Amino acid sequence: MTVKIEDFEKMDIKVGEIISAEEVAGADNLYKLEVDIGKKQITLVAGIKKYYEKQNLAGKRIIVLTNLQPTMIKGITSEGMLLAAVDGDDLSLLTVDSSIKIGSDVA
């Protein structure tokens, strides 16, 4: 399937910084993340627990789709989606390789 440039332009993708991570009760693979995306802070629920220890997430700059329709996961409203690369059973968060400003647009 191909995507038209007009569809891609609808996505608001930003550099965010994880402020905190906590386990989600009753979920084996979920973390509740508080993420600074520049002008505001949002909550994400992400299935990355088997790949990352929560104490290693704070301060990590990640790439976030910020205008995804909010959804309720395990009683928590998730306000976006972090982006990650997946290779079989391995997962790696998409990050930036410099100190680019939090809230910067990804194009």
C-alpha atoms as a PDB file:
ATOM      1  CA  MET A   1       0.000   0.000   0.000  1.00  0.00           C
ATOM      2  CA  THR A   2       1.252   3.481  -0.783  1.00  0.00           C
ATOM      3  CA  VAL A   3       0.552   6.575   1.275  1.00  0.00           C
ATOM      4  CA  LYS A   4      -0.099   9.946  -0.279  1.00  0.00           C
ATOM      5  CA  ILE A   5       2.001  12.864   0.929  1.00  0.00           C
ATOM      6  CA  GLU A   6      -1.229  14.538   2.070  1.00  0.00           C
ATOM      7  CA  ASP A   7      -1.849  11.630   4.451  1.00  0.00           C
ATOM      8  CA  PHE A   8       1.699  11.766   5.831  1.00  0.00           C
ATOM      9  CA  GLU A   9       1.385  15.524   6.366  1.00  0.00           C
ATOM     10  CA  LYS A  10      -1.596  14.903   8.687  1.00  0.00           C
ATOM     11  CA  MET A  11       0.682  13.186  11.190  1.00  0.00           C
ATOM     12  CA  ASP A  12       2.174  15.334  13.941  1.00  0.00           C
ATOM     13  CA  ILE A  13       5.448  13.612  14.833  1.00  0.00           C
ATOM     14  CA  LYS A  14       7.688  15.251  17.420  1.00  0.00           C
ATOM     15  CA  VAL A  15      10.797  14.714  19.490  1.00  0.00           C
ATOM     16  CA  GLY A  16       9.750  13.974  23.053  1.00  0.00           C
ATOM     17  CA  GLU A  17      11.595  13.281  26.274  1.00  0.00           C
ATOM     18  CA  ILE A  18      10.444  10.630  28.716  1.00  0.00           C
ATOM     19  CA  ILE A  19       9.914  12.238  32.118  1.00  0.00           C
ATOM     20  CA  SER A  20       8.887   9.095  34.002  1.00  0.00           C
ATOM     21  CA  ALA A  21       7.938   5.458  33.512  1.00  0.00           C
ATOM     22  CA  GLU A  22       5.841   3.274  35.758  1.00  0.00           C
ATOM     23  CA  GLU A  23       4.448  -0.227  35.523  1.00  0.00           C
ATOM     24  CA  VAL A  24       0.792  -0.701  34.650  1.00  0.00           C
ATOM     25  CA  ALA A  25      -1.084  -2.887  37.143  1.00  0.00           C
ATOM     26  CA  GLY A  26      -2.263  -6.153  35.633  1.00  0.00           C
ATOM     27  CA  ALA A  27      -0.171  -5.807  32.472  1.00  0.00           C
ATOM     28  CA  ASP A  28       2.932  -7.883  31.757  1.00  0.00           C
ATOM     29  CA  ASN A  29       4.404  -5.680  29.018  1.00  0.00           C
ATOM     30  CA  LEU A  30       3.075  -2.155  29.569  1.00  0.00           C
ATOM     31  CA  TYR A  31       4.574   1.021  30.961  1.00  0.00           C
ATOM     32  CA  LYS A  32       2.763   4.277  31.582  1.00  0.00           C
ATOM     33  CA  LEU A  33       5.090   7.005  30.297  1.00  0.00           C
ATOM     34  CA  GLU A  34       4.903  10.734  30.949  1.00  0.00           C
ATOM     35  CA  VAL A  35       6.484  12.448  27.952  1.00  0.00           C
ATOM     36  CA  ASP A  36       7.409  16.108  27.419  1.00  0.00           C
ATOM     37  CA  ILE A  37       6.699  17.060  23.788  1.00  0.00           C
ATOM     38  CA  GLY A  38       7.620  20.717  24.083  1.00  0.00           C
ATOM     39  CA  LYS A  39       4.538  22.789  24.750  1.00  0.00           C
ATOM     40  CA  LYS A  40       2.892  20.146  26.919  1.00  0.00           C
ATOM     41  CA  GLN A  41       3.302  16.810  28.629  1.00  0.00           C
ATOM     42  CA  ILE A  42       1.360  13.741  27.471  1.00  0.00           C
ATOM     43  CA  THR A  43       0.742  10.229  28.754  1.00  0.00           C
ATOM     44  CA  LEU A  44       1.579   7.196  26.619  1.00  0.00           C
ATOM     45  CA  VAL A  45       0.925   3.538  27.344  1.00  0.00           C
ATOM     46  CA  ALA A  46       3.600   1.488  25.615  1.00  0.00           C
ATOM     47  CA  GLY A  47       4.250  -2.230  25.322  1.00  0.00           C
ATOM     48  CA  ILE A  48       8.006  -2.005  25.844  1.00  0.00           C
ATOM     49  CA  LYS A  49       8.465  -3.501  29.307  1.00  0.00           C
ATOM     50  CA  LYS A  50      10.258  -6.650  28.119  1.00  0.00           C
ATOM     51  CA  TYR A  51      12.769  -4.510  26.194  1.00  0.00           C
ATOM     52  CA  TYR A  52      13.526  -1.668  28.615  1.00  0.00           C
ATOM     53  CA  GLU A  53      13.886  -1.330  32.374  1.00  0.00           C
ATOM     54  CA  LYS A  54      11.844   1.596  33.647  1.00  0.00           C
ATOM     55  CA  GLN A  55      14.780   3.217  35.441  1.00  0.00           C
ATOM     56  CA  ASN A  56      16.607   3.498  32.092  1.00  0.00           C
ATOM     57  CA  LEU A  57      13.807   5.372  30.310  1.00  0.00           C
ATOM     58  CA  ALA A  58      13.714   8.775  32.061  1.00  0.00           C
ATOM     59  CA  GLY A  59      15.622  11.343  30.016  1.00  0.00           C
ATOM     60  CA  LYS A  60      15.528   9.310  26.809  1.00  0.00           C
ATOM     61  CA  ARG A  61      14.557  11.378  23.767  1.00  0.00           C
ATOM     62  CA  ILE A  62      12.133   9.486  21.564  1.00  0.00           C
ATOM     63  CA  ILE A  63       9.991  10.029  18.485  1.00  0.00           C
ATOM     64  CA  VAL A  64       6.259  10.366  19.191  1.00  0.00           C
ATOM     65  CA  LEU A  65       3.144  10.474  17.030  1.00  0.00           C
ATOM     66  CA  THR A  66       1.270  13.141  18.984  1.00  0.00           C
ATOM     67  CA  ASN A  67      -2.042  13.472  17.154  1.00  0.00           C
ATOM     68  CA  LEU A  68      -3.190   9.866  17.336  1.00  0.00           C
ATOM     69  CA  GLN A  69      -6.724   9.581  18.666  1.00  0.00           C
ATOM     70  CA  PRO A  70      -6.494   9.019  22.441  1.00  0.00           C
ATOM     71  CA  THR A  71      -7.359   5.506  23.549  1.00  0.00           C
ATOM     72  CA  MET A  72      -8.026   3.876  26.915  1.00  0.00           C
ATOM     73  CA  ILE A  73      -5.586   1.077  27.802  1.00  0.00           C
ATOM     74  CA  LYS A  74      -5.918  -0.660  31.184  1.00  0.00           C
ATOM     75  CA  GLY A  75      -7.791   2.352  32.541  1.00  0.00           C
ATOM     76  CA  ILE A  76      -5.170   4.865  31.354  1.00  0.00           C
ATOM     77  CA  THR A  77      -5.734   7.316  28.505  1.00  0.00           C
ATOM     78  CA  SER A  78      -2.871   7.031  26.035  1.00  0.00           C
ATOM     79  CA  GLU A  79      -2.482  10.295  24.106  1.00  0.00           C
ATOM     80  CA  GLY A  80      -0.112   9.228  21.336  1.00  0.00           C
ATOM     81  CA  MET A  81       2.311   6.539  20.247  1.00  0.00           C
ATOM     82  CA  LEU A  82       6.049   6.229  20.518  1.00  0.00           C
ATOM     83  CA  LEU A  83       7.782   4.940  17.396  1.00  0.00           C
ATOM     84  CA  ALA A  84      10.065   1.932  17.437  1.00  0.00           C
ATOM     85  CA  ALA A  85      11.836  -0.397  15.035  1.00  0.00           C
ATOM     86  CA  VAL A  86      10.944  -4.086  15.297  1.00  0.00           C
ATOM     87  CA  ASP A  87      13.118  -6.964  14.085  1.00  0.00           C
ATOM     88  CA  GLY A  88      11.589 -10.317  14.952  1.00  0.00           C
ATOM     89  CA  ASP A  89      11.608 -10.496  18.739  1.00  0.00           C
ATOM     90  CA  ASP A  90      13.753  -7.378  19.134  1.00  0.00           C
ATOM     91  CA  LEU A  91      12.539  -3.791  19.521  1.00  0.00           C
ATOM     92  CA  SER A  92      14.413  -0.480  19.584  1.00  0.00           C
ATOM     93  CA  LEU A  93      12.909   2.925  20.319  1.00  0.00           C
ATOM     94  CA  LEU A  94      13.458   5.538  17.633  1.00  0.00           C
ATOM     95  CA  THR A  95      15.628   8.244  19.171  1.00  0.00           C
ATOM     96  CA  VAL A  96      17.621  11.266  18.057  1.00  0.00           C
ATOM     97  CA  ASP A  97      21.414  11.314  17.914  1.00  0.00           C
ATOM     98  CA  SER A  98      21.924  14.908  19.040  1.00  0.00           C
ATOM     99  CA  SER A  99      20.552  17.292  21.631  1.00  0.00           C
ATOM    100  CA  ILE A 100      17.833  18.562  19.272  1.00  0.00           C
ATOM    101  CA  LYS A 101      15.160  20.552  21.092  1.00  0.00           C
ATOM    102  CA  ILE A 102      12.236  18.722  22.696  1.00  0.00           C
ATOM    103  CA  GLY A 103       9.105  19.381  20.645  1.00  0.00           C
ATOM    104  CA  SER A 104      10.990  19.620  17.353  1.00  0.00           C
ATOM    105  CA  ASP A 105       8.985  18.410  14.374  1.00  0.00           C
ATOM    106  CA  VAL A 106       9.971  15.198  12.623  1.00  0.00           C
ATOM    107  CA  ALA A 107       9.638  15.567   8.873  1.00  0.00           C
END
